[in-house]
Protein backbone atom coordinates (compact mmCIF):
# COMPACT_ATOMS: atom_id res chain seq x y z
CA UNK A 1 0.00 0.00 0.00
CA UNK A 2 1.39 3.39 -0.99
CA UNK A 3 2.39 5.80 1.75
CA UNK A 4 0.25 8.93 2.02
CA UNK A 5 2.27 12.01 2.98
CA UNK A 6 -0.35 13.49 5.29
CA UNK A 7 -3.73 12.60 6.78
CA UNK A 8 -7.15 14.20 6.98
CA UNK A 9 -6.71 15.69 10.45
CA UNK A 10 -3.38 17.26 9.54
CA UNK A 11 -4.71 18.70 6.28
CA UNK A 12 -7.79 20.18 7.97
CA UNK A 13 -5.63 21.77 10.67
CA UNK A 14 -3.33 23.25 8.02
CA UNK A 15 -6.27 24.62 6.04
CA UNK A 16 -8.16 25.84 9.10
CA UNK A 17 -11.19 23.64 8.36
CA UNK A 18 -13.21 22.49 11.35
CA UNK A 19 -16.33 21.01 9.79
CA UNK A 20 -16.76 17.82 7.79
CA UNK A 21 -18.19 19.28 4.58
CA UNK A 22 -14.98 18.76 2.62
CA UNK A 23 -13.82 15.52 4.25
CA UNK A 24 -14.67 13.39 1.22
CA UNK A 25 -12.85 15.62 -1.26
CA UNK A 26 -9.81 16.12 0.97
CA UNK A 27 -9.60 12.37 1.58
CA UNK A 28 -9.46 11.91 -2.21
CA UNK A 29 -6.84 14.62 -2.67
CA UNK A 30 -4.44 13.14 -0.10
CA UNK A 31 -3.43 10.06 -2.16
CA UNK A 32 -3.70 12.04 -5.41
CA UNK A 33 -1.22 14.68 -4.25
CA UNK A 34 1.00 12.08 -2.55
CA UNK A 35 1.43 10.27 -5.87
CA UNK A 36 2.12 13.58 -7.66
CA UNK A 37 4.89 14.32 -5.18
CA UNK A 38 6.34 10.82 -5.60
CA UNK A 39 6.59 11.33 -9.35
CA UNK A 40 8.22 14.73 -8.92
CA UNK A 41 10.78 13.22 -6.56
CA UNK A 42 11.56 10.42 -9.05
CA UNK A 43 10.45 7.74 -6.61
CA UNK A 44 8.43 5.26 -8.69
CA UNK A 45 8.32 2.83 -5.76
CA UNK A 46 7.09 5.49 -3.36
CA UNK A 47 8.32 6.72 0.02
CA UNK A 48 7.20 3.77 2.15
CA UNK A 49 9.88 2.00 4.19
CA UNK A 50 9.74 -1.71 3.41
CA UNK A 51 11.87 -4.58 2.17
CA UNK A 52 12.45 -4.56 -1.57
CA UNK A 53 14.06 -6.88 -4.09
CA UNK A 54 15.83 -5.14 -6.94
CA UNK A 55 17.61 -6.80 -9.85
CA UNK A 56 20.22 -4.65 -11.60
CA UNK A 57 19.20 -4.45 -15.25
CA UNK A 58 22.73 -4.43 -16.57
CA UNK A 59 26.21 -4.52 -15.09
CA UNK A 60 28.64 -2.78 -17.46
CA UNK A 61 32.17 -3.87 -18.15
CA UNK A 62 34.21 -2.70 -15.18
CA UNK A 63 37.87 -1.90 -15.86
CA UNK A 64 40.38 -3.64 -13.63
CA UNK A 65 41.13 -1.62 -10.50
CA UNK A 66 37.99 0.50 -10.79
CA UNK A 67 35.16 0.57 -8.22
CA UNK A 68 31.68 0.37 -9.68
CA UNK A 69 28.75 2.01 -7.90
CA UNK A 70 25.03 1.45 -8.29
CA UNK A 71 22.18 3.61 -6.96
CA UNK A 72 19.23 1.71 -5.56
CA UNK A 73 15.82 2.95 -6.67
CA UNK A 74 14.74 3.86 -3.14
CA UNK A 75 16.59 5.68 -0.35
CA UNK A 76 17.36 6.16 2.46
CA UNK A 77 18.41 2.56 3.05
CA UNK A 78 18.22 1.09 6.55
CA UNK A 79 19.52 -2.42 5.77
CA UNK A 80 20.86 -4.59 2.98
CA UNK A 81 19.83 -8.19 3.61
CA UNK A 82 21.74 -9.72 0.70
CA UNK A 83 23.45 -9.15 -2.62
CA UNK A 84 23.49 -12.25 -4.78
CA UNK A 85 25.35 -12.65 -8.08
CA UNK A 86 24.18 -15.36 -10.48
CA UNK A 87 24.86 -15.37 -14.20
CA UNK A 88 22.12 -18.02 -14.56
CA UNK A 89 19.59 -15.57 -13.02
CA UNK A 90 18.28 -18.08 -10.46
CA UNK A 91 19.84 -16.30 -7.45
CA UNK A 92 19.91 -19.57 -5.53
CA UNK A 93 21.73 -22.88 -5.61
CA UNK A 94 25.32 -23.71 -6.49
CA UNK A 95 25.58 -21.08 -9.21
CA UNK A 96 24.78 -18.18 -6.90
CA UNK A 97 27.39 -16.15 -5.00
CA UNK A 98 26.32 -14.21 -1.91
CA UNK A 99 28.46 -11.15 -1.29
CA UNK A 100 29.65 -10.06 2.15
CA UNK A 101 28.84 -6.62 3.48
CA UNK A 102 32.05 -4.74 4.29
CA UNK A 103 34.30 -7.09 2.36
CA UNK A 104 32.72 -7.27 -1.08
CA UNK A 105 30.68 -4.08 -0.99
CA UNK A 106 29.89 -0.97 1.06
CA UNK A 107 26.86 1.28 0.92
CA UNK A 108 25.55 4.70 1.86
CA UNK A 109 22.36 4.69 3.98
CA UNK A 110 21.50 8.26 2.98
CA UNK A 111 21.92 7.99 -0.80
CA UNK A 112 21.30 4.29 -1.36
CA UNK A 113 24.53 4.04 -3.35
CA UNK A 114 26.17 0.59 -3.32
CA UNK A 115 29.91 0.41 -4.00
CA UNK A 116 31.38 -2.87 -5.18
CA UNK A 117 34.80 -1.98 -3.79
CA UNK A 118 35.85 -5.52 -2.79
CA UNK A 119 34.26 -7.48 -5.62
CA UNK A 120 33.94 -6.89 -9.33
CA UNK A 121 30.57 -8.23 -10.53
CA UNK A 122 30.66 -9.83 -13.99
CA UNK A 123 29.34 -7.88 -16.93
CA UNK A 124 25.85 -8.98 -17.88
CA UNK A 125 22.11 -8.46 -17.87
CA UNK A 126 20.12 -9.07 -14.66
CA UNK A 127 22.93 -10.95 -12.90
CA UNK A 128 22.85 -9.12 -9.55
CA UNK A 129 19.94 -9.19 -7.09
CA UNK A 130 19.82 -6.88 -4.05
CA UNK A 131 17.39 -7.37 -1.17
CA UNK A 132 17.19 -4.30 1.03
CA UNK A 133 14.97 -2.23 3.29
CA UNK A 134 14.48 1.40 2.31
CA UNK A 135 12.06 4.29 2.45
CA UNK A 136 11.23 7.26 4.62
CA UNK A 137 8.62 5.82 6.97
CA UNK A 138 6.67 2.61 7.47
CA UNK A 139 3.33 4.42 7.73
CA UNK A 140 1.81 7.90 7.69
CA UNK A 141 1.74 8.21 11.48
CA UNK A 142 5.49 7.57 11.66
CA UNK A 143 6.12 10.07 8.87
CA UNK A 144 4.07 12.78 10.61
CA UNK A 145 5.97 12.24 13.87
CA UNK A 146 9.42 12.60 12.28
CA UNK A 147 10.66 16.23 12.42
CA UNK A 148 13.14 15.51 9.62
CA UNK A 149 10.19 14.89 7.28
CA UNK A 150 8.21 18.01 8.26
CA UNK A 151 8.99 19.73 4.93
CA UNK A 152 7.59 16.76 3.00
CA UNK A 153 4.36 16.89 4.99
CA UNK A 154 4.17 20.67 4.59
CA UNK A 155 4.64 20.33 0.83
CA UNK A 156 1.76 17.87 0.64
CA UNK A 157 -0.52 20.09 2.72
CA UNK A 158 0.29 23.18 0.62
CA UNK A 159 -0.42 21.39 -2.66
CA UNK A 160 -3.66 19.91 -1.33
CA UNK A 161 -4.75 23.38 -0.25
CA UNK A 162 -3.89 24.78 -3.68
CA UNK A 163 -5.91 22.10 -5.48
CA UNK A 164 -8.78 22.30 -2.99
CA UNK A 165 -9.15 26.05 -3.46
CA UNK A 166 -9.42 25.52 -7.22
CA UNK A 167 -11.74 22.52 -6.99
CA UNK A 168 -14.44 24.06 -9.17
CA UNK A 169 -12.16 24.25 -12.22
CA UNK A 170 -10.19 21.05 -11.66
CA UNK A 171 -10.81 18.55 -14.41
CA UNK A 172 -12.40 20.94 -16.91
CA UNK A 173 -12.05 19.95 -20.55
CA UNK A 174 -11.77 21.83 -23.83
CA UNK A 175 -14.61 21.67 -26.28
CA UNK A 176 -16.07 23.60 -29.19
CA UNK A 177 -19.83 23.94 -29.53
CA UNK A 178 -21.37 25.98 -32.37
CA UNK A 179 -18.01 27.62 -33.05
CA UNK A 180 -17.69 28.69 -29.41
CA UNK A 181 -14.47 27.36 -27.91
CA UNK A 182 -13.93 26.88 -24.20
CA UNK A 183 -10.46 26.81 -22.70
CA UNK A 184 -9.35 23.76 -20.75
CA UNK A 185 -8.05 23.99 -17.20
CA UNK A 186 -4.78 22.02 -17.25
CA UNK A 187 -3.74 19.77 -14.39
CA UNK A 188 -2.57 22.09 -11.65
CA UNK A 189 1.20 22.36 -11.51
CA UNK A 190 3.17 21.98 -8.32
CA UNK A 191 3.61 25.27 -6.50
CA UNK A 192 7.08 26.81 -6.53
CA UNK A 193 7.23 26.61 -2.72
CA UNK A 194 6.24 22.94 -2.90
CA UNK A 195 9.03 22.18 -5.39
CA UNK A 196 11.52 23.96 -3.14
CA UNK A 197 10.39 21.95 -0.11
CA UNK A 198 10.70 18.73 -2.11
CA UNK A 199 14.21 19.45 -3.41
CA UNK A 200 16.04 17.44 -0.69
CA UNK A 201 13.83 14.42 -1.41
CA UNK A 202 14.35 14.27 -5.19
CA UNK A 203 16.37 11.24 -6.27
CA UNK A 204 19.35 12.03 -8.47
CA UNK A 205 19.59 10.35 -11.84
CA UNK A 206 22.46 7.96 -11.16
CA UNK A 207 23.24 4.40 -12.20
C-alpha atoms as a PDB file:
ATOM      1  CA  UNK A   1       0.000   0.000   0.000  1.00  0.00           C
ATOM      2  CA  UNK A   2       1.388   3.392  -0.992  1.00  0.00           C
ATOM      3  CA  UNK A   3       2.394   5.804   1.746  1.00  0.00           C
ATOM      4  CA  UNK A   4       0.253   8.931   2.025  1.00  0.00           C
ATOM      5  CA  UNK A   5       2.274  12.010   2.978  1.00  0.00           C
ATOM      6  CA  UNK A   6      -0.351  13.486   5.293  1.00  0.00           C
ATOM      7  CA  UNK A   7      -3.733  12.602   6.779  1.00  0.00           C
ATOM      8  CA  UNK A   8      -7.148  14.200   6.980  1.00  0.00           C
ATOM      9  CA  UNK A   9      -6.714  15.686  10.450  1.00  0.00           C
ATOM     10  CA  UNK A  10      -3.376  17.262   9.535  1.00  0.00           C
ATOM     11  CA  UNK A  11      -4.713  18.703   6.285  1.00  0.00           C
ATOM     12  CA  UNK A  12      -7.786  20.180   7.969  1.00  0.00           C
ATOM     13  CA  UNK A  13      -5.634  21.772  10.671  1.00  0.00           C
ATOM     14  CA  UNK A  14      -3.325  23.250   8.016  1.00  0.00           C
ATOM     15  CA  UNK A  15      -6.273  24.618   6.039  1.00  0.00           C
ATOM     16  CA  UNK A  16      -8.163  25.837   9.101  1.00  0.00           C
ATOM     17  CA  UNK A  17     -11.191  23.642   8.362  1.00  0.00           C
ATOM     18  CA  UNK A  18     -13.212  22.491  11.348  1.00  0.00           C
ATOM     19  CA  UNK A  19     -16.333  21.009   9.787  1.00  0.00           C
ATOM     20  CA  UNK A  20     -16.763  17.823   7.790  1.00  0.00           C
ATOM     21  CA  UNK A  21     -18.193  19.285   4.580  1.00  0.00           C
ATOM     22  CA  UNK A  22     -14.977  18.764   2.616  1.00  0.00           C
ATOM     23  CA  UNK A  23     -13.824  15.520   4.251  1.00  0.00           C
ATOM     24  CA  UNK A  24     -14.666  13.395   1.224  1.00  0.00           C
ATOM     25  CA  UNK A  25     -12.849  15.622  -1.258  1.00  0.00           C
ATOM     26  CA  UNK A  26      -9.813  16.115   0.968  1.00  0.00           C
ATOM     27  CA  UNK A  27      -9.596  12.370   1.577  1.00  0.00           C
ATOM     28  CA  UNK A  28      -9.456  11.906  -2.208  1.00  0.00           C
ATOM     29  CA  UNK A  29      -6.841  14.616  -2.666  1.00  0.00           C
ATOM     30  CA  UNK A  30      -4.438  13.145  -0.097  1.00  0.00           C
ATOM     31  CA  UNK A  31      -3.429  10.064  -2.158  1.00  0.00           C
ATOM     32  CA  UNK A  32      -3.696  12.036  -5.413  1.00  0.00           C
ATOM     33  CA  UNK A  33      -1.219  14.681  -4.245  1.00  0.00           C
ATOM     34  CA  UNK A  34       0.999  12.082  -2.551  1.00  0.00           C
ATOM     35  CA  UNK A  35       1.430  10.267  -5.873  1.00  0.00           C
ATOM     36  CA  UNK A  36       2.125  13.577  -7.660  1.00  0.00           C
ATOM     37  CA  UNK A  37       4.894  14.321  -5.176  1.00  0.00           C
ATOM     38  CA  UNK A  38       6.339  10.816  -5.597  1.00  0.00           C
ATOM     39  CA  UNK A  39       6.594  11.331  -9.348  1.00  0.00           C
ATOM     40  CA  UNK A  40       8.218  14.732  -8.923  1.00  0.00           C
ATOM     41  CA  UNK A  41      10.781  13.224  -6.555  1.00  0.00           C
ATOM     42  CA  UNK A  42      11.560  10.418  -9.053  1.00  0.00           C
ATOM     43  CA  UNK A  43      10.454   7.743  -6.606  1.00  0.00           C
ATOM     44  CA  UNK A  44       8.428   5.260  -8.690  1.00  0.00           C
ATOM     45  CA  UNK A  45       8.322   2.828  -5.755  1.00  0.00           C
ATOM     46  CA  UNK A  46       7.092   5.488  -3.357  1.00  0.00           C
ATOM     47  CA  UNK A  47       8.320   6.724   0.021  1.00  0.00           C
ATOM     48  CA  UNK A  48       7.202   3.770   2.147  1.00  0.00           C
ATOM     49  CA  UNK A  49       9.877   1.996   4.189  1.00  0.00           C
ATOM     50  CA  UNK A  50       9.738  -1.714   3.409  1.00  0.00           C
ATOM     51  CA  UNK A  51      11.875  -4.583   2.172  1.00  0.00           C
ATOM     52  CA  UNK A  52      12.449  -4.556  -1.565  1.00  0.00           C
ATOM     53  CA  UNK A  53      14.064  -6.879  -4.085  1.00  0.00           C
ATOM     54  CA  UNK A  54      15.831  -5.144  -6.941  1.00  0.00           C
ATOM     55  CA  UNK A  55      17.612  -6.797  -9.853  1.00  0.00           C
ATOM     56  CA  UNK A  56      20.215  -4.651 -11.596  1.00  0.00           C
ATOM     57  CA  UNK A  57      19.197  -4.452 -15.245  1.00  0.00           C
ATOM     58  CA  UNK A  58      22.731  -4.428 -16.569  1.00  0.00           C
ATOM     59  CA  UNK A  59      26.211  -4.519 -15.085  1.00  0.00           C
ATOM     60  CA  UNK A  60      28.638  -2.780 -17.464  1.00  0.00           C
ATOM     61  CA  UNK A  61      32.167  -3.872 -18.151  1.00  0.00           C
ATOM     62  CA  UNK A  62      34.205  -2.695 -15.179  1.00  0.00           C
ATOM     63  CA  UNK A  63      37.872  -1.903 -15.860  1.00  0.00           C
ATOM     64  CA  UNK A  64      40.379  -3.638 -13.632  1.00  0.00           C
ATOM     65  CA  UNK A  65      41.132  -1.624 -10.501  1.00  0.00           C
ATOM     66  CA  UNK A  66      37.989   0.502 -10.789  1.00  0.00           C
ATOM     67  CA  UNK A  67      35.164   0.575  -8.221  1.00  0.00           C
ATOM     68  CA  UNK A  68      31.675   0.369  -9.683  1.00  0.00           C
ATOM     69  CA  UNK A  69      28.745   2.010  -7.902  1.00  0.00           C
ATOM     70  CA  UNK A  70      25.031   1.452  -8.290  1.00  0.00           C
ATOM     71  CA  UNK A  71      22.181   3.610  -6.963  1.00  0.00           C
ATOM     72  CA  UNK A  72      19.228   1.708  -5.558  1.00  0.00           C
ATOM     73  CA  UNK A  73      15.823   2.955  -6.670  1.00  0.00           C
ATOM     74  CA  UNK A  74      14.737   3.857  -3.143  1.00  0.00           C
ATOM     75  CA  UNK A  75      16.587   5.676  -0.350  1.00  0.00           C
ATOM     76  CA  UNK A  76      17.364   6.162   2.456  1.00  0.00           C
ATOM     77  CA  UNK A  77      18.409   2.558   3.052  1.00  0.00           C
ATOM     78  CA  UNK A  78      18.220   1.088   6.548  1.00  0.00           C
ATOM     79  CA  UNK A  79      19.523  -2.419   5.770  1.00  0.00           C
ATOM     80  CA  UNK A  80      20.857  -4.592   2.976  1.00  0.00           C
ATOM     81  CA  UNK A  81      19.830  -8.189   3.615  1.00  0.00           C
ATOM     82  CA  UNK A  82      21.736  -9.716   0.702  1.00  0.00           C
ATOM     83  CA  UNK A  83      23.449  -9.151  -2.617  1.00  0.00           C
ATOM     84  CA  UNK A  84      23.495 -12.253  -4.781  1.00  0.00           C
ATOM     85  CA  UNK A  85      25.348 -12.650  -8.075  1.00  0.00           C
ATOM     86  CA  UNK A  86      24.185 -15.359 -10.478  1.00  0.00           C
ATOM     87  CA  UNK A  87      24.862 -15.371 -14.203  1.00  0.00           C
ATOM     88  CA  UNK A  88      22.122 -18.021 -14.564  1.00  0.00           C
ATOM     89  CA  UNK A  89      19.595 -15.567 -13.015  1.00  0.00           C
ATOM     90  CA  UNK A  90      18.281 -18.079 -10.457  1.00  0.00           C
ATOM     91  CA  UNK A  91      19.839 -16.299  -7.446  1.00  0.00           C
ATOM     92  CA  UNK A  92      19.912 -19.574  -5.533  1.00  0.00           C
ATOM     93  CA  UNK A  93      21.727 -22.884  -5.609  1.00  0.00           C
ATOM     94  CA  UNK A  94      25.316 -23.710  -6.494  1.00  0.00           C
ATOM     95  CA  UNK A  95      25.583 -21.080  -9.210  1.00  0.00           C
ATOM     96  CA  UNK A  96      24.779 -18.176  -6.900  1.00  0.00           C
ATOM     97  CA  UNK A  97      27.392 -16.154  -4.996  1.00  0.00           C
ATOM     98  CA  UNK A  98      26.315 -14.210  -1.910  1.00  0.00           C
ATOM     99  CA  UNK A  99      28.462 -11.151  -1.291  1.00  0.00           C
ATOM    100  CA  UNK A 100      29.653 -10.064   2.147  1.00  0.00           C
ATOM    101  CA  UNK A 101      28.844  -6.620   3.484  1.00  0.00           C
ATOM    102  CA  UNK A 102      32.048  -4.737   4.290  1.00  0.00           C
ATOM    103  CA  UNK A 103      34.300  -7.091   2.364  1.00  0.00           C
ATOM    104  CA  UNK A 104      32.717  -7.268  -1.084  1.00  0.00           C
ATOM    105  CA  UNK A 105      30.675  -4.078  -0.987  1.00  0.00           C
ATOM    106  CA  UNK A 106      29.893  -0.972   1.058  1.00  0.00           C
ATOM    107  CA  UNK A 107      26.858   1.278   0.917  1.00  0.00           C
ATOM    108  CA  UNK A 108      25.552   4.698   1.863  1.00  0.00           C
ATOM    109  CA  UNK A 109      22.359   4.687   3.982  1.00  0.00           C
ATOM    110  CA  UNK A 110      21.496   8.256   2.979  1.00  0.00           C
ATOM    111  CA  UNK A 111      21.925   7.995  -0.796  1.00  0.00           C
ATOM    112  CA  UNK A 112      21.305   4.292  -1.359  1.00  0.00           C
ATOM    113  CA  UNK A 113      24.527   4.043  -3.351  1.00  0.00           C
ATOM    114  CA  UNK A 114      26.167   0.592  -3.316  1.00  0.00           C
ATOM    115  CA  UNK A 115      29.907   0.406  -4.003  1.00  0.00           C
ATOM    116  CA  UNK A 116      31.380  -2.873  -5.182  1.00  0.00           C
ATOM    117  CA  UNK A 117      34.797  -1.985  -3.790  1.00  0.00           C
ATOM    118  CA  UNK A 118      35.849  -5.517  -2.792  1.00  0.00           C
ATOM    119  CA  UNK A 119      34.264  -7.481  -5.617  1.00  0.00           C
ATOM    120  CA  UNK A 120      33.939  -6.895  -9.329  1.00  0.00           C
ATOM    121  CA  UNK A 121      30.572  -8.234 -10.532  1.00  0.00           C
ATOM    122  CA  UNK A 122      30.660  -9.832 -13.991  1.00  0.00           C
ATOM    123  CA  UNK A 123      29.337  -7.880 -16.932  1.00  0.00           C
ATOM    124  CA  UNK A 124      25.853  -8.982 -17.880  1.00  0.00           C
ATOM    125  CA  UNK A 125      22.110  -8.455 -17.866  1.00  0.00           C
ATOM    126  CA  UNK A 126      20.116  -9.065 -14.664  1.00  0.00           C
ATOM    127  CA  UNK A 127      22.928 -10.946 -12.903  1.00  0.00           C
ATOM    128  CA  UNK A 128      22.845  -9.124  -9.547  1.00  0.00           C
ATOM    129  CA  UNK A 129      19.939  -9.188  -7.088  1.00  0.00           C
ATOM    130  CA  UNK A 130      19.819  -6.876  -4.052  1.00  0.00           C
ATOM    131  CA  UNK A 131      17.390  -7.370  -1.170  1.00  0.00           C
ATOM    132  CA  UNK A 132      17.195  -4.301   1.028  1.00  0.00           C
ATOM    133  CA  UNK A 133      14.974  -2.225   3.292  1.00  0.00           C
ATOM    134  CA  UNK A 134      14.478   1.398   2.310  1.00  0.00           C
ATOM    135  CA  UNK A 135      12.059   4.294   2.447  1.00  0.00           C
ATOM    136  CA  UNK A 136      11.230   7.263   4.621  1.00  0.00           C
ATOM    137  CA  UNK A 137       8.620   5.817   6.974  1.00  0.00           C
ATOM    138  CA  UNK A 138       6.673   2.610   7.472  1.00  0.00           C
ATOM    139  CA  UNK A 139       3.335   4.424   7.726  1.00  0.00           C
ATOM    140  CA  UNK A 140       1.813   7.901   7.688  1.00  0.00           C
ATOM    141  CA  UNK A 141       1.738   8.213  11.483  1.00  0.00           C
ATOM    142  CA  UNK A 142       5.488   7.567  11.655  1.00  0.00           C
ATOM    143  CA  UNK A 143       6.120  10.066   8.868  1.00  0.00           C
ATOM    144  CA  UNK A 144       4.074  12.782  10.610  1.00  0.00           C
ATOM    145  CA  UNK A 145       5.966  12.242  13.870  1.00  0.00           C
ATOM    146  CA  UNK A 146       9.420  12.601  12.280  1.00  0.00           C
ATOM    147  CA  UNK A 147      10.660  16.229  12.423  1.00  0.00           C
ATOM    148  CA  UNK A 148      13.145  15.512   9.618  1.00  0.00           C
ATOM    149  CA  UNK A 149      10.191  14.891   7.284  1.00  0.00           C
ATOM    150  CA  UNK A 150       8.210  18.007   8.260  1.00  0.00           C
ATOM    151  CA  UNK A 151       8.988  19.731   4.932  1.00  0.00           C
ATOM    152  CA  UNK A 152       7.594  16.765   3.004  1.00  0.00           C
ATOM    153  CA  UNK A 153       4.358  16.892   4.994  1.00  0.00           C
ATOM    154  CA  UNK A 154       4.171  20.667   4.592  1.00  0.00           C
ATOM    155  CA  UNK A 155       4.637  20.326   0.830  1.00  0.00           C
ATOM    156  CA  UNK A 156       1.758  17.867   0.637  1.00  0.00           C
ATOM    157  CA  UNK A 157      -0.519  20.093   2.716  1.00  0.00           C
ATOM    158  CA  UNK A 158       0.286  23.175   0.616  1.00  0.00           C
ATOM    159  CA  UNK A 159      -0.415  21.385  -2.660  1.00  0.00           C
ATOM    160  CA  UNK A 160      -3.659  19.911  -1.327  1.00  0.00           C
ATOM    161  CA  UNK A 161      -4.752  23.380  -0.247  1.00  0.00           C
ATOM    162  CA  UNK A 162      -3.887  24.778  -3.679  1.00  0.00           C
ATOM    163  CA  UNK A 163      -5.909  22.103  -5.483  1.00  0.00           C
ATOM    164  CA  UNK A 164      -8.778  22.301  -2.986  1.00  0.00           C
ATOM    165  CA  UNK A 165      -9.151  26.053  -3.455  1.00  0.00           C
ATOM    166  CA  UNK A 166      -9.420  25.518  -7.222  1.00  0.00           C
ATOM    167  CA  UNK A 167     -11.743  22.520  -6.988  1.00  0.00           C
ATOM    168  CA  UNK A 168     -14.444  24.065  -9.170  1.00  0.00           C
ATOM    169  CA  UNK A 169     -12.165  24.248 -12.224  1.00  0.00           C
ATOM    170  CA  UNK A 170     -10.187  21.047 -11.663  1.00  0.00           C
ATOM    171  CA  UNK A 171     -10.811  18.545 -14.405  1.00  0.00           C
ATOM    172  CA  UNK A 172     -12.401  20.940 -16.911  1.00  0.00           C
ATOM    173  CA  UNK A 173     -12.045  19.946 -20.551  1.00  0.00           C
ATOM    174  CA  UNK A 174     -11.766  21.833 -23.826  1.00  0.00           C
ATOM    175  CA  UNK A 175     -14.611  21.669 -26.280  1.00  0.00           C
ATOM    176  CA  UNK A 176     -16.066  23.601 -29.192  1.00  0.00           C
ATOM    177  CA  UNK A 177     -19.833  23.939 -29.532  1.00  0.00           C
ATOM    178  CA  UNK A 178     -21.375  25.981 -32.365  1.00  0.00           C
ATOM    179  CA  UNK A 179     -18.010  27.619 -33.051  1.00  0.00           C
ATOM    180  CA  UNK A 180     -17.685  28.691 -29.413  1.00  0.00           C
ATOM    181  CA  UNK A 181     -14.472  27.365 -27.909  1.00  0.00           C
ATOM    182  CA  UNK A 182     -13.934  26.879 -24.198  1.00  0.00           C
ATOM    183  CA  UNK A 183     -10.457  26.812 -22.696  1.00  0.00           C
ATOM    184  CA  UNK A 184      -9.348  23.756 -20.749  1.00  0.00           C
ATOM    185  CA  UNK A 185      -8.055  23.991 -17.196  1.00  0.00           C
ATOM    186  CA  UNK A 186      -4.784  22.022 -17.248  1.00  0.00           C
ATOM    187  CA  UNK A 187      -3.743  19.772 -14.392  1.00  0.00           C
ATOM    188  CA  UNK A 188      -2.567  22.092 -11.649  1.00  0.00           C
ATOM    189  CA  UNK A 189       1.202  22.359 -11.511  1.00  0.00           C
ATOM    190  CA  UNK A 190       3.168  21.981  -8.322  1.00  0.00           C
ATOM    191  CA  UNK A 191       3.611  25.268  -6.498  1.00  0.00           C
ATOM    192  CA  UNK A 192       7.078  26.806  -6.526  1.00  0.00           C
ATOM    193  CA  UNK A 193       7.229  26.609  -2.725  1.00  0.00           C
ATOM    194  CA  UNK A 194       6.243  22.939  -2.898  1.00  0.00           C
ATOM    195  CA  UNK A 195       9.026  22.180  -5.389  1.00  0.00           C
ATOM    196  CA  UNK A 196      11.517  23.957  -3.142  1.00  0.00           C
ATOM    197  CA  UNK A 197      10.394  21.953  -0.108  1.00  0.00           C
ATOM    198  CA  UNK A 198      10.705  18.728  -2.113  1.00  0.00           C
ATOM    199  CA  UNK A 199      14.213  19.447  -3.411  1.00  0.00           C
ATOM    200  CA  UNK A 200      16.045  17.441  -0.693  1.00  0.00           C
ATOM    201  CA  UNK A 201      13.832  14.419  -1.407  1.00  0.00           C
ATOM    202  CA  UNK A 202      14.346  14.268  -5.188  1.00  0.00           C
ATOM    203  CA  UNK A 203      16.369  11.237  -6.272  1.00  0.00           C
ATOM    204  CA  UNK A 204      19.346  12.033  -8.468  1.00  0.00           C
ATOM    205  CA  UNK A 205      19.588  10.351 -11.843  1.00  0.00           C
ATOM    206  CA  UNK A 206      22.462   7.956 -11.158  1.00  0.00           C
ATOM    207  CA  UNK A 207      23.243   4.397 -12.204  1.00  0.00           C
END
